[in-house]
Full PDB file with SEQRES, HELIX, SHEET, SSBOND, CRYST1, ORIGX, SCALE, CONECT and MASTER records, all heavy atoms in Angstrom:
SEQRES   1 A   39  MET LEU LYS GLN ILE LEU SER GLY ASP LEU GLY LEU LYS          
SEQRES   2 A   39  SER GLU ILE ILE ILE GLY VAL ILE VAL LEU ALA VAL VAL          
SEQRES   3 A   39  TYR LEU ILE THR THR ALA ILE ARG ARG HIS GLY LYS LYS          
HELIX    1 AA1 LEU A    2  LEU A    6  1                                   5    
HELIX    2 AA2 GLY A    8  LEU A   10  5                                   3    
HELIX    3 AA3 SER A   14  ARG A   35  1                                  22    
CRYST1    1.000    1.000    1.000  90.00  90.00  90.00 P 1           1          
ORIGX1      1.000000  0.000000  0.000000        0.00000                         
ORIGX2      0.000000  1.000000  0.000000        0.00000                         
ORIGX3      0.000000  0.000000  1.000000        0.00000                         
SCALE1      1.000000  0.000000  0.000000        0.00000                         
SCALE2      0.000000  1.000000  0.000000        0.00000                         
SCALE3      0.000000  0.000000  1.000000        0.00000                         
ATOM      1  N   MET A   1     -13.923   5.870  -4.250  1.00  0.00           N  
ATOM      2  CA  MET A   1     -13.399   4.752  -3.508  1.00  0.00           C  
ATOM      3  C   MET A   1     -12.453   5.233  -2.407  1.00  0.00           C  
ATOM      4  O   MET A   1     -12.478   4.871  -1.092  1.00  0.00           O  
ATOM      5  CB  MET A   1     -12.834   3.784  -4.249  1.00  0.00           C  
ATOM      6  CG  MET A   1     -12.379   2.523  -3.409  1.00  0.00           C  
ATOM      7  SD  MET A   1     -11.565   1.315  -4.540  1.00  0.00           S  
ATOM      8  CE  MET A   1     -13.019   0.689  -5.414  1.00  0.00           C  
ATOM      9  N   LEU A   2     -11.399   6.084  -2.775  1.00  0.00           N  
ATOM     10  CA  LEU A   2     -10.530   6.769  -1.836  1.00  0.00           C  
ATOM     11  C   LEU A   2     -11.314   7.518  -0.697  1.00  0.00           C  
ATOM     12  O   LEU A   2     -10.861   7.421   0.438  1.00  0.00           O  
ATOM     13  CB  LEU A   2      -9.589   7.773  -2.621  1.00  0.00           C  
ATOM     14  CG  LEU A   2      -8.523   8.294  -1.750  1.00  0.00           C  
ATOM     15  CD1 LEU A   2      -7.652   7.245  -1.146  1.00  0.00           C  
ATOM     16  CD2 LEU A   2      -7.609   9.283  -2.588  1.00  0.00           C  
ATOM     17  N   LYS A   3     -12.318   8.291  -1.076  1.00  0.00           N  
ATOM     18  CA  LYS A   3     -13.122   9.025  -0.010  1.00  0.00           C  
ATOM     19  C   LYS A   3     -13.658   7.932   1.042  1.00  0.00           C  
ATOM     20  O   LYS A   3     -13.679   8.240   2.190  1.00  0.00           O  
ATOM     21  CB  LYS A   3     -14.159   9.759  -0.632  1.00  0.00           C  
ATOM     22  CG  LYS A   3     -14.915  10.715   0.238  1.00  0.00           C  
ATOM     23  CD  LYS A   3     -16.091  11.426  -0.405  1.00  0.00           C  
ATOM     24  CE  LYS A   3     -15.426  12.364  -1.518  1.00  0.00           C  
ATOM     25  NZ  LYS A   3     -16.456  13.189  -2.094  1.00  0.00           N  
ATOM     26  N   GLN A   4     -14.205   6.809   0.480  1.00  0.00           N  
ATOM     27  CA  GLN A   4     -14.643   5.841   1.358  1.00  0.00           C  
ATOM     28  C   GLN A   4     -13.605   5.307   2.406  1.00  0.00           C  
ATOM     29  O   GLN A   4     -13.826   5.243   3.563  1.00  0.00           O  
ATOM     30  CB  GLN A   4     -15.229   4.659   0.619  1.00  0.00           C  
ATOM     31  CG  GLN A   4     -16.503   4.884  -0.173  1.00  0.00           C  
ATOM     32  CD  GLN A   4     -16.895   3.797  -1.045  1.00  0.00           C  
ATOM     33  OE1 GLN A   4     -16.052   3.132  -1.723  1.00  0.00           O  
ATOM     34  NE2 GLN A   4     -18.147   3.382  -0.963  1.00  0.00           N  
ATOM     35  N   ILE A   5     -12.436   5.085   1.777  1.00  0.00           N  
ATOM     36  CA  ILE A   5     -11.361   4.570   2.660  1.00  0.00           C  
ATOM     37  C   ILE A   5     -10.892   5.412   3.645  1.00  0.00           C  
ATOM     38  O   ILE A   5     -10.572   5.013   4.779  1.00  0.00           O  
ATOM     39  CB  ILE A   5     -10.145   4.091   1.753  1.00  0.00           C  
ATOM     40  CG1 ILE A   5     -10.639   2.946   0.791  1.00  0.00           C  
ATOM     41  CG2 ILE A   5      -8.963   3.628   2.418  1.00  0.00           C  
ATOM     42  CD1 ILE A   5      -9.556   2.578  -0.311  1.00  0.00           C  
ATOM     43  N   LEU A   6     -10.813   6.754   3.374  1.00  0.00           N  
ATOM     44  CA  LEU A   6     -10.318   7.729   4.253  1.00  0.00           C  
ATOM     45  C   LEU A   6     -11.455   8.489   5.178  1.00  0.00           C  
ATOM     46  O   LEU A   6     -11.106   9.202   5.901  1.00  0.00           O  
ATOM     47  CB  LEU A   6      -9.531   8.801   3.482  1.00  0.00           C  
ATOM     48  CG  LEU A   6      -8.236   8.285   2.738  1.00  0.00           C  
ATOM     49  CD1 LEU A   6      -7.684   9.404   1.962  1.00  0.00           C  
ATOM     50  CD2 LEU A   6      -7.347   7.711   3.658  1.00  0.00           C  
ATOM     51  N   SER A   7     -12.580   7.985   4.966  1.00  0.00           N  
ATOM     52  CA  SER A   7     -13.614   8.645   5.663  1.00  0.00           C  
ATOM     53  C   SER A   7     -13.490   8.442   7.130  1.00  0.00           C  
ATOM     54  O   SER A   7     -12.936   7.389   7.623  1.00  0.00           O  
ATOM     55  CB  SER A   7     -15.106   8.179   5.205  1.00  0.00           C  
ATOM     56  OG  SER A   7     -15.120   6.826   5.414  1.00  0.00           O  
ATOM     57  N   GLY A   8     -13.989   9.386   7.873  1.00  0.00           N  
ATOM     58  CA  GLY A   8     -13.777   9.306   9.448  1.00  0.00           C  
ATOM     59  C   GLY A   8     -14.376   8.090  10.130  1.00  0.00           C  
ATOM     60  O   GLY A   8     -13.798   7.648  10.980  1.00  0.00           O  
ATOM     61  N   ASP A   9     -15.552   7.546   9.586  1.00  0.00           N  
ATOM     62  CA  ASP A   9     -16.056   6.340  10.285  1.00  0.00           C  
ATOM     63  C   ASP A   9     -15.212   5.115  10.262  1.00  0.00           C  
ATOM     64  O   ASP A   9     -15.378   4.232  10.973  1.00  0.00           O  
ATOM     65  CB  ASP A   9     -17.483   6.025   9.836  1.00  0.00           C  
ATOM     66  CG  ASP A   9     -17.439   5.665   8.294  1.00  0.00           C  
ATOM     67  OD1 ASP A   9     -16.592   5.960   7.653  1.00  0.00           O  
ATOM     68  OD2 ASP A   9     -18.293   4.826   7.946  1.00  0.00           O  
ATOM     69  N   LEU A  10     -14.105   5.190   9.392  1.00  0.00           N  
ATOM     70  CA  LEU A  10     -13.330   3.927   9.455  1.00  0.00           C  
ATOM     71  C   LEU A  10     -12.290   3.920  10.557  1.00  0.00           C  
ATOM     72  O   LEU A  10     -11.791   2.884  10.916  1.00  0.00           O  
ATOM     73  CB  LEU A  10     -12.554   3.829   7.990  1.00  0.00           C  
ATOM     74  CG  LEU A  10     -13.459   3.635   6.789  1.00  0.00           C  
ATOM     75  CD1 LEU A  10     -12.486   3.595   5.571  1.00  0.00           C  
ATOM     76  CD2 LEU A  10     -14.133   2.335   6.884  1.00  0.00           C  
ATOM     77  N   GLY A  11     -11.978   5.214  11.119  1.00  0.00           N  
ATOM     78  CA  GLY A  11     -11.117   5.219  12.103  1.00  0.00           C  
ATOM     79  C   GLY A  11      -9.753   4.730  11.952  1.00  0.00           C  
ATOM     80  O   GLY A  11      -9.056   4.119  12.714  1.00  0.00           O  
ATOM     81  N   LEU A  12      -9.111   5.080  10.758  1.00  0.00           N  
ATOM     82  CA  LEU A  12      -7.801   4.677  10.513  1.00  0.00           C  
ATOM     83  C   LEU A  12      -6.787   5.357  11.369  1.00  0.00           C  
ATOM     84  O   LEU A  12      -6.835   6.564  11.592  1.00  0.00           O  
ATOM     85  CB  LEU A  12      -7.594   4.849   9.069  1.00  0.00           C  
ATOM     86  CG  LEU A  12      -8.188   4.044   8.014  1.00  0.00           C  
ATOM     87  CD1 LEU A  12      -7.764   4.495   6.598  1.00  0.00           C  
ATOM     88  CD2 LEU A  12      -7.886   2.603   8.133  1.00  0.00           C  
ATOM     89  N   LYS A  13      -5.770   4.585  11.909  1.00  0.00           N  
ATOM     90  CA  LYS A  13      -4.791   5.208  12.701  1.00  0.00           C  
ATOM     91  C   LYS A  13      -3.594   5.424  11.865  1.00  0.00           C  
ATOM     92  O   LYS A  13      -3.262   4.586  10.942  1.00  0.00           O  
ATOM     93  CB  LYS A  13      -4.538   4.291  13.898  1.00  0.00           C  
ATOM     94  CG  LYS A  13      -5.710   4.043  14.819  1.00  0.00           C  
ATOM     95  CD  LYS A  13      -5.332   3.260  16.033  1.00  0.00           C  
ATOM     96  CE  LYS A  13      -6.566   3.264  16.944  1.00  0.00           C  
ATOM     97  NZ  LYS A  13      -6.258   2.335  18.208  1.00  0.00           N  
ATOM     98  N   SER A  14      -2.655   6.355  12.184  1.00  0.00           N  
ATOM     99  CA  SER A  14      -1.502   6.620  11.500  1.00  0.00           C  
ATOM    100  C   SER A  14      -0.519   5.503  11.445  1.00  0.00           C  
ATOM    101  O   SER A  14       0.074   5.227  10.442  1.00  0.00           O  
ATOM    102  CB  SER A  14      -0.813   7.804  12.107  1.00  0.00           C  
ATOM    103  OG  SER A  14      -0.456   7.592  13.428  1.00  0.00           O  
ATOM    104  N   GLU A  15      -0.584   4.718  12.588  1.00  0.00           N  
ATOM    105  CA  GLU A  15       0.239   3.516  12.635  1.00  0.00           C  
ATOM    106  C   GLU A  15      -0.007   2.374  11.490  1.00  0.00           C  
ATOM    107  O   GLU A  15       0.825   1.866  10.928  1.00  0.00           O  
ATOM    108  CB  GLU A  15       0.281   2.803  13.963  1.00  0.00           C  
ATOM    109  CG  GLU A  15       0.861   3.623  15.110  1.00  0.00           C  
ATOM    110  CD  GLU A  15      -0.177   4.673  15.781  1.00  0.00           C  
ATOM    111  OE1 GLU A  15      -1.261   4.674  15.097  1.00  0.00           O  
ATOM    112  OE2 GLU A  15       0.065   5.166  16.758  1.00  0.00           O  
ATOM    113  N   ILE A  16      -1.343   2.382  11.274  1.00  0.00           N  
ATOM    114  CA  ILE A  16      -1.840   1.392  10.219  1.00  0.00           C  
ATOM    115  C   ILE A  16      -1.371   1.862   8.893  1.00  0.00           C  
ATOM    116  O   ILE A  16      -0.999   1.049   8.073  1.00  0.00           O  
ATOM    117  CB  ILE A  16      -3.297   1.160  10.385  1.00  0.00           C  
ATOM    118  CG1 ILE A  16      -3.679   0.552  11.771  1.00  0.00           C  
ATOM    119  CG2 ILE A  16      -3.947   0.348   9.235  1.00  0.00           C  
ATOM    120  CD1 ILE A  16      -5.217   0.358  12.081  1.00  0.00           C  
ATOM    121  N   ILE A  17      -1.692   3.087   8.688  1.00  0.00           N  
ATOM    122  CA  ILE A  17      -1.362   3.610   7.449  1.00  0.00           C  
ATOM    123  C   ILE A  17       0.101   3.529   7.007  1.00  0.00           C  
ATOM    124  O   ILE A  17       0.535   3.129   5.887  1.00  0.00           O  
ATOM    125  CB  ILE A  17      -1.732   5.225   7.247  1.00  0.00           C  
ATOM    126  CG1 ILE A  17      -3.278   5.371   7.494  1.00  0.00           C  
ATOM    127  CG2 ILE A  17      -1.280   5.883   6.045  1.00  0.00           C  
ATOM    128  CD1 ILE A  17      -3.633   6.752   7.545  1.00  0.00           C  
ATOM    129  N   ILE A  18       1.077   3.779   8.068  1.00  0.00           N  
ATOM    130  CA  ILE A  18       2.394   3.705   7.796  1.00  0.00           C  
ATOM    131  C   ILE A  18       2.797   2.216   7.549  1.00  0.00           C  
ATOM    132  O   ILE A  18       3.566   1.941   6.591  1.00  0.00           O  
ATOM    133  CB  ILE A  18       3.165   4.133   9.027  1.00  0.00           C  
ATOM    134  CG1 ILE A  18       3.019   5.671   9.179  1.00  0.00           C  
ATOM    135  CG2 ILE A  18       4.754   3.853   9.005  1.00  0.00           C  
ATOM    136  CD1 ILE A  18       3.639   6.296  10.481  1.00  0.00           C  
ATOM    137  N   GLY A  19       2.184   1.310   8.329  1.00  0.00           N  
ATOM    138  CA  GLY A  19       2.500  -0.051   8.154  1.00  0.00           C  
ATOM    139  C   GLY A  19       2.218  -0.620   6.769  1.00  0.00           C  
ATOM    140  O   GLY A  19       2.795  -1.314   6.083  1.00  0.00           O  
ATOM    141  N   VAL A  20       0.889  -0.139   6.255  1.00  0.00           N  
ATOM    142  CA  VAL A  20       0.550  -0.590   4.976  1.00  0.00           C  
ATOM    143  C   VAL A  20       1.374   0.022   3.891  1.00  0.00           C  
ATOM    144  O   VAL A  20       1.585  -0.625   2.904  1.00  0.00           O  
ATOM    145  CB  VAL A  20      -0.975  -0.180   4.763  1.00  0.00           C  
ATOM    146  CG1 VAL A  20      -1.448  -0.449   3.340  1.00  0.00           C  
ATOM    147  CG2 VAL A  20      -1.960  -0.991   5.852  1.00  0.00           C  
ATOM    148  N   ILE A  21       1.827   1.401   4.016  1.00  0.00           N  
ATOM    149  CA  ILE A  21       2.537   1.887   3.058  1.00  0.00           C  
ATOM    150  C   ILE A  21       4.041   1.166   2.877  1.00  0.00           C  
ATOM    151  O   ILE A  21       4.473   0.862   1.846  1.00  0.00           O  
ATOM    152  CB  ILE A  21       2.907   3.389   3.384  1.00  0.00           C  
ATOM    153  CG1 ILE A  21       1.632   4.304   3.283  1.00  0.00           C  
ATOM    154  CG2 ILE A  21       4.015   4.016   2.480  1.00  0.00           C  
ATOM    155  CD1 ILE A  21       1.700   5.668   3.650  1.00  0.00           C  
ATOM    156  N   VAL A  22       4.434   0.795   4.023  1.00  0.00           N  
ATOM    157  CA  VAL A  22       5.640  -0.045   4.049  1.00  0.00           C  
ATOM    158  C   VAL A  22       5.489  -1.349   3.335  1.00  0.00           C  
ATOM    159  O   VAL A  22       6.404  -1.699   2.396  1.00  0.00           O  
ATOM    160  CB  VAL A  22       6.242  -0.284   5.489  1.00  0.00           C  
ATOM    161  CG1 VAL A  22       7.374  -1.309   5.442  1.00  0.00           C  
ATOM    162  CG2 VAL A  22       6.638   0.887   6.149  1.00  0.00           C  
ATOM    163  N   LEU A  23       4.412  -2.010   3.549  1.00  0.00           N  
ATOM    164  CA  LEU A  23       4.106  -3.317   2.807  1.00  0.00           C  
ATOM    165  C   LEU A  23       3.985  -2.994   1.342  1.00  0.00           C  
ATOM    166  O   LEU A  23       4.366  -3.868   0.497  1.00  0.00           O  
ATOM    167  CB  LEU A  23       2.782  -3.842   3.390  1.00  0.00           C  
ATOM    168  CG  LEU A  23       2.945  -4.499   4.786  1.00  0.00           C  
ATOM    169  CD1 LEU A  23       1.538  -4.965   5.217  1.00  0.00           C  
ATOM    170  CD2 LEU A  23       3.946  -5.626   4.856  1.00  0.00           C  
ATOM    171  N   ALA A  24       3.339  -1.786   0.999  1.00  0.00           N  
ATOM    172  CA  ALA A  24       3.216  -1.588  -0.409  1.00  0.00           C  
ATOM    173  C   ALA A  24       4.448  -1.270  -1.145  1.00  0.00           C  
ATOM    174  O   ALA A  24       4.688  -1.759  -2.245  1.00  0.00           O  
ATOM    175  CB  ALA A  24       2.192  -0.379  -0.518  1.00  0.00           C  
ATOM    176  N   VAL A  25       5.393  -0.567  -0.435  1.00  0.00           N  
ATOM    177  CA  VAL A  25       6.728  -0.376  -1.094  1.00  0.00           C  
ATOM    178  C   VAL A  25       7.405  -1.680  -1.250  1.00  0.00           C  
ATOM    179  O   VAL A  25       7.971  -1.878  -2.367  1.00  0.00           O  
ATOM    180  CB  VAL A  25       7.485   0.582  -0.154  1.00  0.00           C  
ATOM    181  CG1 VAL A  25       8.963   0.714  -0.678  1.00  0.00           C  
ATOM    182  CG2 VAL A  25       6.816   1.996  -0.193  1.00  0.00           C  
ATOM    183  N   VAL A  26       7.498  -2.533  -0.365  1.00  0.00           N  
ATOM    184  CA  VAL A  26       8.209  -3.922  -0.352  1.00  0.00           C  
ATOM    185  C   VAL A  26       7.493  -4.595  -1.514  1.00  0.00           C  
ATOM    186  O   VAL A  26       8.241  -5.225  -2.279  1.00  0.00           O  
ATOM    187  CB  VAL A  26       7.977  -4.691   0.938  1.00  0.00           C  
ATOM    188  CG1 VAL A  26       8.484  -6.036   0.675  1.00  0.00           C  
ATOM    189  CG2 VAL A  26       8.760  -3.933   2.014  1.00  0.00           C  
ATOM    190  N   TYR A  27       6.211  -4.536  -1.622  1.00  0.00           N  
ATOM    191  CA  TYR A  27       5.527  -5.365  -2.662  1.00  0.00           C  
ATOM    192  C   TYR A  27       5.962  -4.797  -4.036  1.00  0.00           C  
ATOM    193  O   TYR A  27       6.265  -5.530  -5.040  1.00  0.00           O  
ATOM    194  CB  TYR A  27       3.982  -5.244  -2.615  1.00  0.00           C  
ATOM    195  CG  TYR A  27       3.347  -5.792  -3.750  1.00  0.00           C  
ATOM    196  CD1 TYR A  27       3.036  -7.132  -3.792  1.00  0.00           C  
ATOM    197  CD2 TYR A  27       2.840  -5.009  -4.788  1.00  0.00           C  
ATOM    198  CE1 TYR A  27       2.351  -7.669  -4.923  1.00  0.00           C  
ATOM    199  CE2 TYR A  27       2.134  -5.544  -5.966  1.00  0.00           C  
ATOM    200  CZ  TYR A  27       1.975  -6.894  -5.918  1.00  0.00           C  
ATOM    201  OH  TYR A  27       1.382  -7.414  -6.997  1.00  0.00           O  
ATOM    202  N   LEU A  28       6.038  -3.529  -4.183  1.00  0.00           N  
ATOM    203  CA  LEU A  28       6.293  -2.941  -5.451  1.00  0.00           C  
ATOM    204  C   LEU A  28       7.735  -3.242  -5.940  1.00  0.00           C  
ATOM    205  O   LEU A  28       7.985  -3.418  -7.132  1.00  0.00           O  
ATOM    206  CB  LEU A  28       5.989  -1.407  -5.474  1.00  0.00           C  
ATOM    207  CG  LEU A  28       4.535  -0.951  -5.448  1.00  0.00           C  
ATOM    208  CD1 LEU A  28       4.547   0.572  -5.199  1.00  0.00           C  
ATOM    209  CD2 LEU A  28       3.728  -1.386  -6.623  1.00  0.00           C  
ATOM    210  N   ILE A  29       8.645  -3.159  -4.944  1.00  0.00           N  
ATOM    211  CA  ILE A  29       9.999  -3.510  -5.172  1.00  0.00           C  
ATOM    212  C   ILE A  29      10.182  -4.943  -5.660  1.00  0.00           C  
ATOM    213  O   ILE A  29      10.901  -5.208  -6.694  1.00  0.00           O  
ATOM    214  CB  ILE A  29      10.957  -3.151  -3.957  1.00  0.00           C  
ATOM    215  CG1 ILE A  29      11.000  -1.750  -3.743  1.00  0.00           C  
ATOM    216  CG2 ILE A  29      12.276  -3.765  -4.204  1.00  0.00           C  
ATOM    217  CD1 ILE A  29      11.586  -1.280  -2.484  1.00  0.00           C  
ATOM    218  N   THR A  30       9.638  -5.924  -4.868  1.00  0.00           N  
ATOM    219  CA  THR A  30       9.722  -7.277  -5.243  1.00  0.00           C  
ATOM    220  C   THR A  30       9.064  -7.576  -6.569  1.00  0.00           C  
ATOM    221  O   THR A  30       9.541  -8.510  -7.303  1.00  0.00           O  
ATOM    222  CB  THR A  30       9.161  -8.151  -4.158  1.00  0.00           C  
ATOM    223  OG1 THR A  30       7.736  -7.778  -3.917  1.00  0.00           O  
ATOM    224  CG2 THR A  30       9.965  -7.912  -2.837  1.00  0.00           C  
ATOM    225  N   THR A  31       7.917  -6.940  -6.849  1.00  0.00           N  
ATOM    226  CA  THR A  31       7.261  -7.150  -8.135  1.00  0.00           C  
ATOM    227  C   THR A  31       8.078  -6.724  -9.213  1.00  0.00           C  
ATOM    228  O   THR A  31       8.174  -7.368 -10.274  1.00  0.00           O  
ATOM    229  CB  THR A  31       5.917  -6.467  -8.044  1.00  0.00           C  
ATOM    230  OG1 THR A  31       5.058  -7.014  -6.974  1.00  0.00           O  
ATOM    231  CG2 THR A  31       5.116  -6.717  -9.427  1.00  0.00           C  
ATOM    232  N   ALA A  32       8.667  -5.472  -9.132  1.00  0.00           N  
ATOM    233  CA  ALA A  32       9.530  -5.063 -10.216  1.00  0.00           C  
ATOM    234  C   ALA A  32      10.695  -5.932 -10.473  1.00  0.00           C  
ATOM    235  O   ALA A  32      11.077  -6.182 -11.598  1.00  0.00           O  
ATOM    236  CB  ALA A  32      10.041  -3.664  -9.806  1.00  0.00           C  
ATOM    237  N   ILE A  33      11.287  -6.478  -9.361  1.00  0.00           N  
ATOM    238  CA  ILE A  33      12.400  -7.350  -9.498  1.00  0.00           C  
ATOM    239  C   ILE A  33      12.043  -8.570 -10.227  1.00  0.00           C  
ATOM    240  O   ILE A  33      12.658  -9.109 -11.150  1.00  0.00           O  
ATOM    241  CB  ILE A  33      13.040  -7.774  -8.189  1.00  0.00           C  
ATOM    242  CG1 ILE A  33      13.641  -6.469  -7.542  1.00  0.00           C  
ATOM    243  CG2 ILE A  33      14.108  -8.846  -8.270  1.00  0.00           C  
ATOM    244  CD1 ILE A  33      14.192  -6.558  -6.122  1.00  0.00           C  
ATOM    245  N   ARG A  34      10.797  -9.101  -9.845  1.00  0.00           N  
ATOM    246  CA  ARG A  34      10.275 -10.449 -10.439  1.00  0.00           C  
ATOM    247  C   ARG A  34      10.053 -10.228 -12.025  1.00  0.00           C  
ATOM    248  O   ARG A  34      10.144 -11.168 -12.739  1.00  0.00           O  
ATOM    249  CB  ARG A  34       9.108 -10.747  -9.661  1.00  0.00           C  
ATOM    250  CG  ARG A  34       8.452 -12.177 -10.118  1.00  0.00           C  
ATOM    251  CD  ARG A  34       7.268 -12.292  -9.207  1.00  0.00           C  
ATOM    252  NE  ARG A  34       6.604 -13.504  -9.577  1.00  0.00           N  
ATOM    253  CZ  ARG A  34       5.410 -13.899  -9.159  1.00  0.00           C  
ATOM    254  NH1 ARG A  34       4.813 -13.190  -8.323  1.00  0.00           N  
ATOM    255  NH2 ARG A  34       4.871 -15.026  -9.555  1.00  0.00           N  
ATOM    256  N   ARG A  35       9.510  -8.988 -12.363  1.00  0.00           N  
ATOM    257  CA  ARG A  35       9.058  -8.827 -13.755  1.00  0.00           C  
ATOM    258  C   ARG A  35      10.216  -8.413 -14.656  1.00  0.00           C  
ATOM    259  O   ARG A  35       9.983  -8.194 -15.906  1.00  0.00           O  
ATOM    260  CB  ARG A  35       7.859  -7.936 -13.879  1.00  0.00           C  
ATOM    261  CG  ARG A  35       6.637  -8.505 -13.152  1.00  0.00           C  
ATOM    262  CD  ARG A  35       5.584  -7.366 -13.159  1.00  0.00           C  
ATOM    263  NE  ARG A  35       4.486  -7.872 -12.393  1.00  0.00           N  
ATOM    264  CZ  ARG A  35       3.517  -7.142 -11.598  1.00  0.00           C  
ATOM    265  NH1 ARG A  35       3.628  -5.895 -11.641  1.00  0.00           N  
ATOM    266  NH2 ARG A  35       2.411  -7.686 -11.002  1.00  0.00           N  
ATOM    267  N   HIS A  36      11.361  -8.213 -14.080  1.00  0.00           N  
ATOM    268  CA  HIS A  36      12.526  -7.567 -14.770  1.00  0.00           C  
ATOM    269  C   HIS A  36      12.773  -8.497 -16.042  1.00  0.00           C  
ATOM    270  O   HIS A  36      13.067  -9.782 -15.909  1.00  0.00           O  
ATOM    271  CB  HIS A  36      13.737  -7.368 -14.031  1.00  0.00           C  
ATOM    272  CG  HIS A  36      14.878  -6.826 -14.659  1.00  0.00           C  
ATOM    273  ND1 HIS A  36      14.840  -5.605 -15.172  1.00  0.00           N  
ATOM    274  CD2 HIS A  36      16.027  -7.392 -15.099  1.00  0.00           C  
ATOM    275  CE1 HIS A  36      16.052  -5.313 -15.813  1.00  0.00           C  
ATOM    276  NE2 HIS A  36      16.799  -6.385 -15.823  1.00  0.00           N  
ATOM    277  N   GLY A  37      12.823  -7.989 -17.176  1.00  0.00           N  
ATOM    278  CA  GLY A  37      13.215  -8.744 -18.322  1.00  0.00           C  
ATOM    279  C   GLY A  37      11.946  -9.470 -18.915  1.00  0.00           C  
ATOM    280  O   GLY A  37      12.064 -10.130 -19.947  1.00  0.00           O  
ATOM    281  N   LYS A  38      10.820  -9.304 -18.416  1.00  0.00           N  
ATOM    282  CA  LYS A  38       9.597 -10.082 -18.946  1.00  0.00           C  
ATOM    283  C   LYS A  38       8.676  -8.942 -19.644  1.00  0.00           C  
ATOM    284  O   LYS A  38       8.648  -7.843 -19.154  1.00  0.00           O  
ATOM    285  CB  LYS A  38       8.802 -10.666 -17.791  1.00  0.00           C  
ATOM    286  CG  LYS A  38       9.534 -11.703 -16.910  1.00  0.00           C  
ATOM    287  CD  LYS A  38       9.812 -13.069 -17.712  1.00  0.00           C  
ATOM    288  CE  LYS A  38      10.452 -14.075 -16.904  1.00  0.00           C  
ATOM    289  NZ  LYS A  38      10.613 -15.313 -17.577  1.00  0.00           N  
ATOM    290  N   LYS A  39       7.967  -9.451 -20.645  1.00  0.00           N  
ATOM    291  CA  LYS A  39       7.042  -8.523 -21.265  1.00  0.00           C  
ATOM    292  C   LYS A  39       5.687  -8.515 -20.534  1.00  0.00           C  
ATOM    293  O   LYS A  39       4.824  -9.490 -20.849  1.00  0.00           O  
ATOM    294  CB  LYS A  39       6.922  -8.937 -22.709  1.00  0.00           C  
ATOM    295  CG  LYS A  39       5.958  -7.904 -23.521  1.00  0.00           C  
ATOM    296  CD  LYS A  39       5.918  -8.348 -24.996  1.00  0.00           C  
ATOM    297  CE  LYS A  39       5.005  -7.362 -25.681  1.00  0.00           C  
ATOM    298  NZ  LYS A  39       4.747  -7.604 -27.132  1.00  0.00           N  
TER     299      LYS A  39                                                      
MASTER        0    0    0    3    0    0    0    6  298    1    0    3          
END                                                                             
């Protein structure tokens, strides 16, 4: 799956990758806060 996502024909730009990474970090932080103290 990773190979598909990063394959050349998708034409991913570095700006998009950076933007998505930022969103991913924000999501992981908010999710961790939300689940704190829960099983």
